[in-house]
PDB file of all heavy atoms in Angstrom:
ATOM      1  N   PRO A   1      58.044 194.192 143.766  1.00  0.00           N
ATOM      2  CA  PRO A   1      59.311 193.476 143.764  1.00  0.00           C
ATOM      3  C   PRO A   1      59.090 192.067 143.489  1.00  0.00           C
ATOM      4  O   PRO A   1      58.270 191.385 143.983  1.00  0.00           O
ATOM      5  CB  PRO A   1      59.768 193.582 145.335  1.00  0.00           C
ATOM      6  CG  PRO A   1      59.158 194.783 145.867  1.00  0.00           C
ATOM      7  CD  PRO A   1      57.741 194.926 145.090  1.00  0.00           C
ATOM      8  N   GLY A   2      59.960 191.604 142.584  1.00  0.00           N
ATOM      9  CA  GLY A   2      59.945 190.156 142.217  1.00  0.00           C
ATOM     10  C   GLY A   2      58.775 189.726 141.421  1.00  0.00           C
ATOM     11  O   GLY A   2      58.668 188.522 141.183  1.00  0.00           O
ATOM     12  N   ILE A   3      58.123 190.688 140.600  1.00  0.00           N
ATOM     13  CA  ILE A   3      56.951 190.346 139.740  1.00  0.00           C
ATOM     14  C   ILE A   3      57.296 190.935 138.455  1.00  0.00           C
ATOM     15  O   ILE A   3      57.475 192.113 138.250  1.00  0.00           O
ATOM     16  CB  ILE A   3      55.654 190.812 140.381  1.00  0.00           C
ATOM     17  CG1 ILE A   3      55.353 190.295 141.718  1.00  0.00           C
ATOM     18  CG2 ILE A   3      54.518 190.527 139.343  1.00  0.00           C
ATOM     19  CD1 ILE A   3      54.106 190.844 142.288  1.00  0.00           C
ATOM     20  N   HIS A   4      57.406 190.116 137.387  1.00  0.00           N
ATOM     21  CA  HIS A   4      57.695 190.586 136.098  1.00  0.00           C
ATOM     22  C   HIS A   4      56.931 189.743 135.063  1.00  0.00           C
ATOM     23  O   HIS A   4      56.449 188.693 135.285  1.00  0.00           O
ATOM     24  CB  HIS A   4      59.158 190.510 135.766  1.00  0.00           C
ATOM     25  CG  HIS A   4      59.999 191.315 136.581  1.00  0.00           C
ATOM     26  ND1 HIS A   4      60.699 190.887 137.835  1.00  0.00           N
ATOM     27  CD2 HIS A   4      60.315 192.655 136.550  1.00  0.00           C
ATOM     28  CE1 HIS A   4      61.248 191.857 138.332  1.00  0.00           C
ATOM     29  NE2 HIS A   4      61.162 192.943 137.648  1.00  0.00           N
ATOM     30  N   GLU A   5      56.833 190.282 133.747  1.00  0.00           N
ATOM     31  CA  GLU A   5      56.248 189.570 132.612  1.00  0.00           C
ATOM     32  C   GLU A   5      57.179 188.319 132.341  1.00  0.00           C
ATOM     33  O   GLU A   5      58.404 188.436 132.332  1.00  0.00           O
ATOM     34  CB  GLU A   5      56.055 190.473 131.499  1.00  0.00           C
ATOM     35  CG  GLU A   5      55.357 189.667 130.340  1.00  0.00           C
ATOM     36  CD  GLU A   5      55.087 190.548 129.158  1.00  0.00           C
ATOM     37  OE1 GLU A   5      55.510 191.800 129.118  1.00  0.00           O
ATOM     38  OE2 GLU A   5      54.373 190.100 128.178  1.00  0.00           O
ATOM     39  N   GLY A   6      56.544 187.175 132.062  1.00  0.00           N
ATOM     40  CA  GLY A   6      57.277 185.977 131.816  1.00  0.00           C
ATOM     41  C   GLY A   6      56.656 185.372 130.540  1.00  0.00           C
ATOM     42  O   GLY A   6      55.794 185.992 129.786  1.00  0.00           O
ATOM     43  N   GLU A   7      57.088 184.169 130.154  1.00  0.00           N
ATOM     44  CA  GLU A   7      56.671 183.519 129.037  1.00  0.00           C
ATOM     45  C   GLU A   7      55.236 182.972 129.078  1.00  0.00           C
ATOM     46  O   GLU A   7      54.744 182.691 130.284  1.00  0.00           O
ATOM     47  CB  GLU A   7      57.601 182.311 128.709  1.00  0.00           C
ATOM     48  CG  GLU A   7      58.959 182.687 128.349  1.00  0.00           C
ATOM     49  CD  GLU A   7      59.867 181.361 128.016  1.00  0.00           C
ATOM     50  OE1 GLU A   7      59.283 180.247 128.007  1.00  0.00           O
ATOM     51  OE2 GLU A   7      61.025 181.635 127.734  1.00  0.00           O
ATOM     52  N   GLN A   8      54.514 182.878 128.034  1.00  0.00           N
ATOM     53  CA  GLN A   8      53.189 182.345 128.052  1.00  0.00           C
ATOM     54  C   GLN A   8      53.228 180.943 128.273  1.00  0.00           C
ATOM     55  O   GLN A   8      54.170 180.159 127.908  1.00  0.00           O
ATOM     56  CB  GLN A   8      52.429 182.584 126.617  1.00  0.00           C
ATOM     57  CG  GLN A   8      52.127 183.954 126.384  1.00  0.00           C
ATOM     58  CD  GLN A   8      51.436 184.178 125.104  1.00  0.00           C
ATOM     59  OE1 GLN A   8      51.719 183.434 124.059  1.00  0.00           O
ATOM     60  NE2 GLN A   8      50.470 185.114 124.982  1.00  0.00           N
ATOM     61  N   TRP A   9      52.103 180.408 128.941  1.00  0.00           N
ATOM     62  CA  TRP A   9      51.889 178.923 129.043  1.00  0.00           C
ATOM     63  C   TRP A   9      50.453 178.687 128.863  1.00  0.00           C
ATOM     64  O   TRP A   9      49.705 179.539 129.207  1.00  0.00           O
ATOM     65  CB  TRP A   9      52.430 178.427 130.302  1.00  0.00           C
ATOM     66  CG  TRP A   9      52.015 179.091 131.664  1.00  0.00           C
ATOM     67  CD1 TRP A   9      52.318 180.344 132.021  1.00  0.00           C
ATOM     68  CD2 TRP A   9      51.046 178.663 132.571  1.00  0.00           C
ATOM     69  NE1 TRP A   9      51.734 180.652 133.240  1.00  0.00           N
ATOM     70  CE2 TRP A   9      50.848 179.542 133.572  1.00  0.00           C
ATOM     71  CE3 TRP A   9      50.328 177.392 132.702  1.00  0.00           C
ATOM     72  CZ2 TRP A   9      50.042 179.387 134.677  1.00  0.00           C
ATOM     73  CZ3 TRP A   9      49.417 177.322 133.804  1.00  0.00           C
ATOM     74  CH2 TRP A   9      49.361 178.262 134.778  1.00  0.00           C
ATOM     75  N   PHE A  10      50.037 177.551 128.509  1.00  0.00           N
ATOM     76  CA  PHE A  10      48.761 177.179 128.024  1.00  0.00           C
ATOM     77  C   PHE A  10      47.984 176.125 128.649  1.00  0.00           C
ATOM     78  O   PHE A  10      47.002 175.602 128.165  1.00  0.00           O
ATOM     79  CB  PHE A  10      48.909 176.988 126.476  1.00  0.00           C
ATOM     80  CG  PHE A  10      49.591 178.023 125.688  1.00  0.00           C
ATOM     81  CD1 PHE A  10      50.858 177.893 125.435  1.00  0.00           C
ATOM     82  CD2 PHE A  10      48.904 179.228 125.353  1.00  0.00           C
ATOM     83  CE1 PHE A  10      51.567 178.873 124.749  1.00  0.00           C
ATOM     84  CE2 PHE A  10      49.578 180.212 124.640  1.00  0.00           C
ATOM     85  CZ  PHE A  10      50.979 180.118 124.335  1.00  0.00           C
ATOM     86  N   GLN A  11      48.426 175.666 129.910  1.00  0.00           N
ATOM     87  CA  GLN A  11      47.956 174.444 130.440  1.00  0.00           C
ATOM     88  C   GLN A  11      47.066 174.703 131.675  1.00  0.00           C
ATOM     89  O   GLN A  11      46.930 173.942 132.587  1.00  0.00           O
ATOM     90  CB  GLN A  11      48.918 173.529 130.870  1.00  0.00           C
ATOM     91  CG  GLN A  11      49.654 172.915 129.738  1.00  0.00           C
ATOM     92  CD  GLN A  11      50.690 173.765 129.076  1.00  0.00           C
ATOM     93  OE1 GLN A  11      51.394 174.479 129.773  1.00  0.00           O
ATOM     94  NE2 GLN A  11      50.899 173.606 127.795  1.00  0.00           N
ATOM     95  N   SER A  12      46.219 175.809 131.670  1.00  0.00           N
ATOM     96  CA  SER A  12      45.449 176.152 132.867  1.00  0.00           C
ATOM     97  C   SER A  12      44.086 176.945 132.491  1.00  0.00           C
ATOM     98  O   SER A  12      43.958 177.079 131.254  1.00  0.00           O
ATOM     99  CB  SER A  12      46.262 177.003 133.881  1.00  0.00           C
ATOM    100  OG  SER A  12      45.505 176.967 135.147  1.00  0.00           O
ATOM    101  N   ASP A  13      43.382 177.452 133.367  1.00  0.00           N
ATOM    102  CA  ASP A  13      41.987 177.831 133.148  1.00  0.00           C
ATOM    103  C   ASP A  13      41.957 179.180 132.441  1.00  0.00           C
ATOM    104  O   ASP A  13      40.839 179.460 131.942  1.00  0.00           O
ATOM    105  CB  ASP A  13      41.338 177.982 134.625  1.00  0.00           C
ATOM    106  CG  ASP A  13      41.019 176.599 135.125  1.00  0.00           C
ATOM    107  OD1 ASP A  13      40.754 175.662 134.472  1.00  0.00           O
ATOM    108  OD2 ASP A  13      40.847 176.558 136.457  1.00  0.00           O
ATOM    109  N   HIS A  14      42.938 179.965 132.335  1.00  0.00           N
ATOM    110  CA  HIS A  14      42.890 181.139 131.539  1.00  0.00           C
ATOM    111  C   HIS A  14      42.694 180.812 130.154  1.00  0.00           C
ATOM    112  O   HIS A  14      41.990 181.643 129.351  1.00  0.00           O
ATOM    113  CB  HIS A  14      44.284 181.975 131.596  1.00  0.00           C
ATOM    114  CG  HIS A  14      45.500 181.239 131.351  1.00  0.00           C
ATOM    115  ND1 HIS A  14      46.034 180.303 132.225  1.00  0.00           N
ATOM    116  CD2 HIS A  14      46.295 181.175 130.242  1.00  0.00           C
ATOM    117  CE1 HIS A  14      47.113 179.792 131.828  1.00  0.00           C
ATOM    118  NE2 HIS A  14      47.241 180.287 130.551  1.00  0.00           N
ATOM    119  N   MET A  15      42.928 179.648 129.614  1.00  0.00           N
ATOM    120  CA  MET A  15      42.868 179.396 128.182  1.00  0.00           C
ATOM    121  C   MET A  15      41.369 179.200 127.892  1.00  0.00           C
ATOM    122  O   MET A  15      40.866 179.382 126.710  1.00  0.00           O
ATOM    123  CB  MET A  15      43.604 178.072 127.811  1.00  0.00           C
ATOM    124  CG  MET A  15      45.160 178.229 127.771  1.00  0.00           C
ATOM    125  SD  MET A  15      45.668 179.739 126.999  1.00  0.00           S
ATOM    126  CE  MET A  15      45.175 179.275 125.397  1.00  0.00           C
ATOM    127  N   ILE A  16      40.494 178.837 128.797  1.00  0.00           N
ATOM    128  CA  ILE A  16      39.054 178.763 128.619  1.00  0.00           C
ATOM    129  C   ILE A  16      38.548 180.103 128.158  1.00  0.00           C
ATOM    130  O   ILE A  16      37.780 180.177 127.188  1.00  0.00           O
ATOM    131  CB  ILE A  16      38.361 178.373 129.891  1.00  0.00           C
ATOM    132  CG1 ILE A  16      38.704 176.893 130.306  1.00  0.00           C
ATOM    133  CG2 ILE A  16      36.853 178.443 129.661  1.00  0.00           C
ATOM    134  CD1 ILE A  16      38.265 176.613 131.665  1.00  0.00           C
ATOM    135  N   PHE A  17      39.098 181.168 128.560  1.00  0.00           N
ATOM    136  CA  PHE A  17      38.516 182.537 128.250  1.00  0.00           C
ATOM    137  C   PHE A  17      39.200 182.975 126.955  1.00  0.00           C
ATOM    138  O   PHE A  17      38.624 183.612 126.097  1.00  0.00           O
ATOM    139  CB  PHE A  17      38.693 183.469 129.455  1.00  0.00           C
ATOM    140  CG  PHE A  17      37.972 183.011 130.726  1.00  0.00           C
ATOM    141  CD1 PHE A  17      38.714 182.187 131.662  1.00  0.00           C
ATOM    142  CD2 PHE A  17      36.618 183.239 130.838  1.00  0.00           C
ATOM    143  CE1 PHE A  17      37.827 181.779 132.707  1.00  0.00           C
ATOM    144  CE2 PHE A  17      35.900 182.842 131.936  1.00  0.00           C
ATOM    145  CZ  PHE A  17      36.506 182.042 132.816  1.00  0.00           C
ATOM    146  N   ALA A  18      40.552 182.657 126.879  1.00  0.00           N
ATOM    147  CA  ALA A  18      41.261 183.164 125.680  1.00  0.00           C
ATOM    148  C   ALA A  18      40.577 182.453 124.363  1.00  0.00           C
ATOM    149  O   ALA A  18      40.357 183.123 123.342  1.00  0.00           O
ATOM    150  CB  ALA A  18      42.690 182.787 125.683  1.00  0.00           C
ATOM    151  N   GLN A  19      40.200 181.121 124.620  1.00  0.00           N
ATOM    152  CA  GLN A  19      39.539 180.382 123.527  1.00  0.00           C
ATOM    153  C   GLN A  19      38.093 181.004 123.148  1.00  0.00           C
ATOM    154  O   GLN A  19      37.718 180.787 122.050  1.00  0.00           O
ATOM    155  CB  GLN A  19      39.385 178.893 123.897  1.00  0.00           C
ATOM    156  CG  GLN A  19      40.793 178.104 123.836  1.00  0.00           C
ATOM    157  CD  GLN A  19      40.648 176.859 124.367  1.00  0.00           C
ATOM    158  OE1 GLN A  19      39.596 176.367 124.929  1.00  0.00           O
ATOM    159  NE2 GLN A  19      41.695 176.009 124.399  1.00  0.00           N
ATOM    160  N   ASN A  20      37.478 181.665 124.130  1.00  0.00           N
ATOM    161  CA  ASN A  20      36.292 182.306 123.953  1.00  0.00           C
ATOM    162  C   ASN A  20      36.538 183.802 123.624  1.00  0.00           C
ATOM    163  O   ASN A  20      35.635 184.584 123.756  1.00  0.00           O
ATOM    164  CB  ASN A  20      35.496 182.299 125.231  1.00  0.00           C
ATOM    165  CG  ASN A  20      34.638 180.832 125.385  1.00  0.00           C
ATOM    166  OD1 ASN A  20      33.716 180.680 124.645  1.00  0.00           O
ATOM    167  ND2 ASN A  20      35.224 179.965 125.998  1.00  0.00           N
ATOM    168  N   LYS A  21      37.719 184.075 123.163  1.00  0.00           N
ATOM    169  CA  LYS A  21      38.029 185.449 122.655  1.00  0.00           C
ATOM    170  C   LYS A  21      37.978 186.518 123.604  1.00  0.00           C
ATOM    171  O   LYS A  21      37.509 187.723 123.374  1.00  0.00           O
ATOM    172  CB  LYS A  21      37.256 185.741 121.387  1.00  0.00           C
ATOM    173  CG  LYS A  21      37.431 184.717 120.238  1.00  0.00           C
ATOM    174  CD  LYS A  21      36.860 185.046 119.002  1.00  0.00           C
ATOM    175  CE  LYS A  21      37.121 183.951 117.954  1.00  0.00           C
ATOM    176  NZ  LYS A  21      38.494 183.597 117.704  1.00  0.00           N
ATOM    177  N   ARG A  22      38.233 186.204 125.037  1.00  0.00           N
ATOM    178  CA  ARG A  22      38.299 187.298 125.951  1.00  0.00           C
ATOM    179  C   ARG A  22      39.555 187.490 126.401  1.00  0.00           C
ATOM    180  O   ARG A  22      40.361 186.542 126.554  1.00  0.00           O
ATOM    181  CB  ARG A  22      37.326 186.801 127.121  1.00  0.00           C
ATOM    182  CG  ARG A  22      35.908 186.615 126.876  1.00  0.00           C
ATOM    183  CD  ARG A  22      35.200 187.625 126.014  1.00  0.00           C
ATOM    184  NE  ARG A  22      35.425 188.969 126.582  1.00  0.00           N
ATOM    185  CZ  ARG A  22      35.514 190.019 125.826  1.00  0.00           C
ATOM    186  NH1 ARG A  22      35.506 190.015 124.531  1.00  0.00           N
ATOM    187  NH2 ARG A  22      35.506 191.291 126.521  1.00  0.00           N
ATOM    188  N   PRO A  23      40.022 188.722 126.571  1.00  0.00           N
ATOM    189  CA  PRO A  23      41.382 188.987 127.210  1.00  0.00           C
ATOM    190  C   PRO A  23      41.602 188.241 128.436  1.00  0.00           C
ATOM    191  O   PRO A  23      40.721 188.109 129.337  1.00  0.00           O
ATOM    192  CB  PRO A  23      41.357 190.473 127.499  1.00  0.00           C
ATOM    193  CG  PRO A  23      40.215 191.042 126.607  1.00  0.00           C
ATOM    194  CD  PRO A  23      39.135 189.946 126.449  1.00  0.00           C
ATOM    195  N   ALA A  24      42.830 187.656 128.630  1.00  0.00           N
ATOM    196  CA  ALA A  24      43.089 186.855 129.844  1.00  0.00           C
ATOM    197  C   ALA A  24      44.549 187.165 130.241  1.00  0.00           C
ATOM    198  O   ALA A  24      45.495 187.451 129.408  1.00  0.00           O
ATOM    199  CB  ALA A  24      42.960 185.436 129.513  1.00  0.00           C
ATOM    200  N   MET A  25      44.858 186.800 131.411  1.00  0.00           N
ATOM    201  CA  MET A  25      46.213 186.765 131.980  1.00  0.00           C
ATOM    202  C   MET A  25      46.355 185.567 132.861  1.00  0.00           C
ATOM    203  O   MET A  25      45.528 185.053 133.377  1.00  0.00           O
ATOM    204  CB  MET A  25      46.343 187.933 132.826  1.00  0.00           C
ATOM    205  CG  MET A  25      46.449 189.419 132.274  1.00  0.00           C
ATOM    206  SD  MET A  25      46.738 190.672 133.435  1.00  0.00           S
ATOM    207  CE  MET A  25      48.302 190.344 134.089  1.00  0.00           C
ATOM    208  N   ALA A  26      47.615 185.047 132.859  1.00  0.00           N
ATOM    209  CA  ALA A  26      48.012 183.972 133.762  1.00  0.00           C
ATOM    210  C   ALA A  26      49.101 184.391 134.708  1.00  0.00           C
ATOM    211  O   ALA A  26      50.035 185.138 134.261  1.00  0.00           O
ATOM    212  CB  ALA A  26      48.522 182.718 132.887  1.00  0.00           C
ATOM    213  N   ILE A  27      49.034 184.136 135.858  1.00  0.00           N
ATOM    214  CA  ILE A  27      49.952 184.431 136.921  1.00  0.00           C
ATOM    215  C   ILE A  27      50.511 183.096 137.609  1.00  0.00           C
ATOM    216  O   ILE A  27      49.625 182.317 138.113  1.00  0.00           O
ATOM    217  CB  ILE A  27      49.339 185.316 137.880  1.00  0.00           C
ATOM    218  CG1 ILE A  27      48.997 186.630 137.159  1.00  0.00           C
ATOM    219  CG2 ILE A  27      50.384 185.720 139.120  1.00  0.00           C
ATOM    220  CD1 ILE A  27      48.174 187.641 137.959  1.00  0.00           C
ATOM    221  N   SER A  28      51.690 182.887 137.704  1.00  0.00           N
ATOM    222  CA  SER A  28      52.365 181.714 138.236  1.00  0.00           C
ATOM    223  C   SER A  28      53.763 182.028 138.768  1.00  0.00           C
ATOM    224  O   SER A  28      54.280 183.079 138.583  1.00  0.00           O
ATOM    225  CB  SER A  28      52.329 180.604 137.455  1.00  0.00           C
ATOM    226  OG  SER A  28      52.527 179.311 137.933  1.00  0.00           O
ATOM    227  N   SER A  29      54.431 180.935 139.014  1.00  0.00           N
ATOM    228  CA  SER A  29      55.822 181.101 139.518  1.00  0.00           C
ATOM    229  C   SER A  29      56.644 180.979 138.303  1.00  0.00           C
ATOM    230  O   SER A  29      56.343 180.399 137.287  1.00  0.00           O
ATOM    231  CB  SER A  29      56.167 179.925 140.434  1.00  0.00           C
ATOM    232  OG  SER A  29      55.432 180.035 141.609  1.00  0.00           O
ATOM    233  N   GLU A  30      57.871 181.619 138.386  1.00  0.00           N
ATOM    234  CA  GLU A  30      58.857 181.623 137.253  1.00  0.00           C
ATOM    235  C   GLU A  30      59.271 180.247 136.839  1.00  0.00           C
ATOM    236  O   GLU A  30      59.394 179.752 135.706  1.00  0.00           O
ATOM    237  CB  GLU A  30      60.172 182.332 137.736  1.00  0.00           C
ATOM    238  CG  GLU A  30      61.247 182.277 136.647  1.00  0.00           C
ATOM    239  CD  GLU A  30      62.465 182.915 137.157  1.00  0.00           C
ATOM    240  OE1 GLU A  30      62.538 183.525 138.389  1.00  0.00           O
ATOM    241  OE2 GLU A  30      63.487 182.920 136.424  1.00  0.00           O
ATOM    242  N   HIS A  31      59.369 179.128 137.835  1.00  0.00           N
ATOM    243  CA  HIS A  31      59.696 177.869 137.606  1.00  0.00           C
ATOM    244  C   HIS A  31      58.407 176.878 137.529  1.00  0.00           C
ATOM    245  O   HIS A  31      58.500 175.796 137.883  1.00  0.00           O
ATOM    246  CB  HIS A  31      60.602 177.410 138.645  1.00  0.00           C
ATOM    247  CG  HIS A  31      61.865 178.156 138.896  1.00  0.00           C
ATOM    248  ND1 HIS A  31      62.863 178.092 137.878  1.00  0.00           N
ATOM    249  CD2 HIS A  31      62.410 178.957 139.832  1.00  0.00           C
ATOM    250  CE1 HIS A  31      63.793 178.996 138.307  1.00  0.00           C
ATOM    251  NE2 HIS A  31      63.599 179.433 139.439  1.00  0.00           N
ATOM    252  N   MET A  32      57.386 177.514 136.683  1.00  0.00           N
ATOM    253  CA  MET A  32      56.231 176.616 136.568  1.00  0.00           C
ATOM    254  C   MET A  32      56.530 175.365 135.885  1.00  0.00           C
ATOM    255  O   MET A  32      55.898 174.276 136.313  1.00  0.00           O
ATOM    256  CB  MET A  32      55.176 177.390 135.864  1.00  0.00           C
ATOM    257  CG  MET A  32      53.809 176.811 135.536  1.00  0.00           C
ATOM    258  SD  MET A  32      52.931 176.450 137.202  1.00  0.00           S
ATOM    259  CE  MET A  32      51.458 175.941 136.580  1.00  0.00           C
ATOM    260  N   ALA A  33      57.381 175.199 134.915  1.00  0.00           N
ATOM    261  CA  ALA A  33      57.574 174.031 134.087  1.00  0.00           C
ATOM    262  C   ALA A  33      58.138 172.956 135.110  1.00  0.00           C
ATOM    263  O   ALA A  33      57.727 171.885 135.127  1.00  0.00           O
ATOM    264  CB  ALA A  33      58.589 174.278 132.969  1.00  0.00           C
ATOM    265  N   MET A  34      59.075 173.413 136.009  1.00  0.00           N
ATOM    266  CA  MET A  34      59.711 172.508 137.063  1.00  0.00           C
ATOM    267  C   MET A  34      58.644 171.965 138.032  1.00  0.00           C
ATOM    268  O   MET A  34      58.627 170.881 138.398  1.00  0.00           O
ATOM    269  CB  MET A  34      60.899 173.167 137.655  1.00  0.00           C
ATOM    270  CG  MET A  34      61.646 172.217 138.643  1.00  0.00           C
ATOM    271  SD  MET A  34      60.969 172.056 140.165  1.00  0.00           S
ATOM    272  CE  MET A  34      61.069 173.634 140.830  1.00  0.00           C
ATOM    273  N   ILE A  35      57.868 173.003 138.539  1.00  0.00           N
ATOM    274  CA  ILE A  35      56.747 172.659 139.435  1.00  0.00           C
ATOM    275  C   ILE A  35      55.919 171.485 138.874  1.00  0.00           C
ATOM    276  O   ILE A  35      55.560 170.569 139.485  1.00  0.00           O
ATOM    277  CB  ILE A  35      56.006 173.852 139.797  1.00  0.00           C
ATOM    278  CG1 ILE A  35      56.781 174.769 140.662  1.00  0.00           C
ATOM    279  CG2 ILE A  35      54.711 173.449 140.588  1.00  0.00           C
ATOM    280  CD1 ILE A  35      56.217 176.110 140.920  1.00  0.00           C
ATOM    281  N   CYS A  36      55.500 171.724 137.558  1.00  0.00           N
ATOM    282  CA  CYS A  36      54.555 170.687 137.010  1.00  0.00           C
ATOM    283  C   CYS A  36      55.278 169.290 136.760  1.00  0.00           C
ATOM    284  O   CYS A  36      54.711 168.254 136.994  1.00  0.00           O
ATOM    285  CB  CYS A  36      54.176 171.177 135.574  1.00  0.00           C
ATOM    286  SG  CYS A  36      52.958 172.549 135.529  1.00  0.00           S
ATOM    287  N   SER A  37      56.633 169.345 136.403  1.00  0.00           N
ATOM    288  CA  SER A  37      57.283 168.191 136.289  1.00  0.00           C
ATOM    289  C   SER A  37      57.835 167.317 137.367  1.00  0.00           C
ATOM    290  O   SER A  37      57.992 166.116 137.335  1.00  0.00           O
ATOM    291  CB  SER A  37      58.326 168.375 135.156  1.00  0.00           C
ATOM    292  OG  SER A  37      59.451 169.258 135.813  1.00  0.00           O
ATOM    293  N   GLU A  38      57.959 168.024 138.588  1.00  0.00           N
ATOM    294  CA  GLU A  38      58.695 167.438 139.716  1.00  0.00           C
ATOM    295  C   GLU A  38      57.892 167.523 140.990  1.00  0.00           C
ATOM    296  O   GLU A  38      58.133 166.732 141.903  1.00  0.00           O
ATOM    297  CB  GLU A  38      59.920 168.086 139.902  1.00  0.00           C
ATOM    298  CG  GLU A  38      60.941 167.892 138.762  1.00  0.00           C
ATOM    299  CD  GLU A  38      62.323 168.462 138.926  1.00  0.00           C
ATOM    300  OE1 GLU A  38      62.611 168.661 140.131  1.00  0.00           O
ATOM    301  OE2 GLU A  38      63.077 168.754 137.974  1.00  0.00           O
ATOM    302  N   ILE A  39      56.899 168.544 141.132  1.00  0.00           N
ATOM    303  CA  ILE A  39      56.289 168.845 142.352  1.00  0.00           C
ATOM    304  C   ILE A  39      54.792 168.547 142.424  1.00  0.00           C
ATOM    305  O   ILE A  39      54.286 167.916 143.290  1.00  0.00           O
ATOM    306  CB  ILE A  39      56.589 170.281 142.881  1.00  0.00           C
ATOM    307  CG1 ILE A  39      58.153 170.355 143.009  1.00  0.00           C
ATOM    308  CG2 ILE A  39      55.806 170.616 144.115  1.00  0.00           C
ATOM    309  CD1 ILE A  39      58.503 171.782 143.295  1.00  0.00           C
ATOM    310  N   ALA A  40      54.082 169.078 141.386  1.00  0.00           N
ATOM    311  CA  ALA A  40      52.601 169.030 141.381  1.00  0.00           C
ATOM    312  C   ALA A  40      52.089 167.657 141.434  1.00  0.00           C
ATOM    313  O   ALA A  40      52.879 166.805 140.826  1.00  0.00           O
ATOM    314  CB  ALA A  40      52.100 169.799 140.184  1.00  0.00           C
ATOM    315  N   HIS A  41      50.981 167.442 142.059  1.00  0.00           N
ATOM    316  CA  HIS A  41      50.346 166.096 142.087  1.00  0.00           C
ATOM    317  C   HIS A  41      51.066 165.073 143.069  1.00  0.00           C
ATOM    318  O   HIS A  41      50.898 163.868 142.803  1.00  0.00           O
ATOM    319  CB  HIS A  41      50.069 165.533 140.738  1.00  0.00           C
ATOM    320  CG  HIS A  41      49.246 166.592 139.920  1.00  0.00           C
ATOM    321  ND1 HIS A  41      49.043 166.213 138.425  1.00  0.00           N
ATOM    322  CD2 HIS A  41      48.590 167.661 140.023  1.00  0.00           C
ATOM    323  CE1 HIS A  41      48.318 167.253 138.003  1.00  0.00           C
ATOM    324  NE2 HIS A  41      48.124 168.153 138.991  1.00  0.00           N
ATOM    325  N   THR A  42      51.966 165.525 143.849  1.00  0.00           N
ATOM    326  CA  THR A  42      52.775 164.630 144.633  1.00  0.00           C
ATOM    327  C   THR A  42      52.772 165.098 146.106  1.00  0.00           C
ATOM    328  O   THR A  42      52.356 166.239 146.457  1.00  0.00           O
ATOM    329  CB  THR A  42      54.266 164.541 144.334  1.00  0.00           C
ATOM    330  OG1 THR A  42      54.939 165.655 144.767  1.00  0.00           O
ATOM    331  CG2 THR A  42      54.392 164.405 142.790  1.00  0.00           C
ATOM    332  N   PRO A  43      53.029 164.265 147.130  1.00  0.00           N
ATOM    333  CA  PRO A  43      53.152 164.687 148.395  1.00  0.00           C
ATOM    334  C   PRO A  43      54.251 165.649 148.671  1.00  0.00           C
ATOM    335  O   PRO A  43      54.105 166.397 149.817  1.00  0.00           O
ATOM    336  CB  PRO A  43      53.418 163.281 149.122  1.00  0.00           C
ATOM    337  CG  PRO A  43      53.004 162.181 148.314  1.00  0.00           C
ATOM    338  CD  PRO A  43      53.271 162.734 146.866  1.00  0.00           C
ATOM    339  N   HIS A  44      54.974 165.943 147.854  1.00  0.00           N
ATOM    340  CA  HIS A  44      56.082 166.957 148.062  1.00  0.00           C
ATOM    341  C   HIS A  44      55.518 168.391 147.900  1.00  0.00           C
ATOM    342  O   HIS A  44      56.294 169.337 148.252  1.00  0.00           O
ATOM    343  CB  HIS A  44      57.283 166.722 146.960  1.00  0.00           C
ATOM    344  CG  HIS A  44      57.908 165.411 147.167  1.00  0.00           C
ATOM    345  ND1 HIS A  44      58.386 164.855 148.175  1.00  0.00           N
ATOM    346  CD2 HIS A  44      57.937 164.395 146.220  1.00  0.00           C
ATOM    347  CE1 HIS A  44      58.969 163.727 147.972  1.00  0.00           C
ATOM    348  NE2 HIS A  44      58.503 163.269 146.694  1.00  0.00           N
TER     349      HIS A  44
END
């Protein structure tokens, strides 16, 4: 429940392995872009 395939994003540690030509998956919240722009790295 509540888990589905979403859009690719490229700003985290899975890209280290993709760049080394290894299969990779990234798992995050649907609103990852908003989390990065408004929440992450703050006291909130």
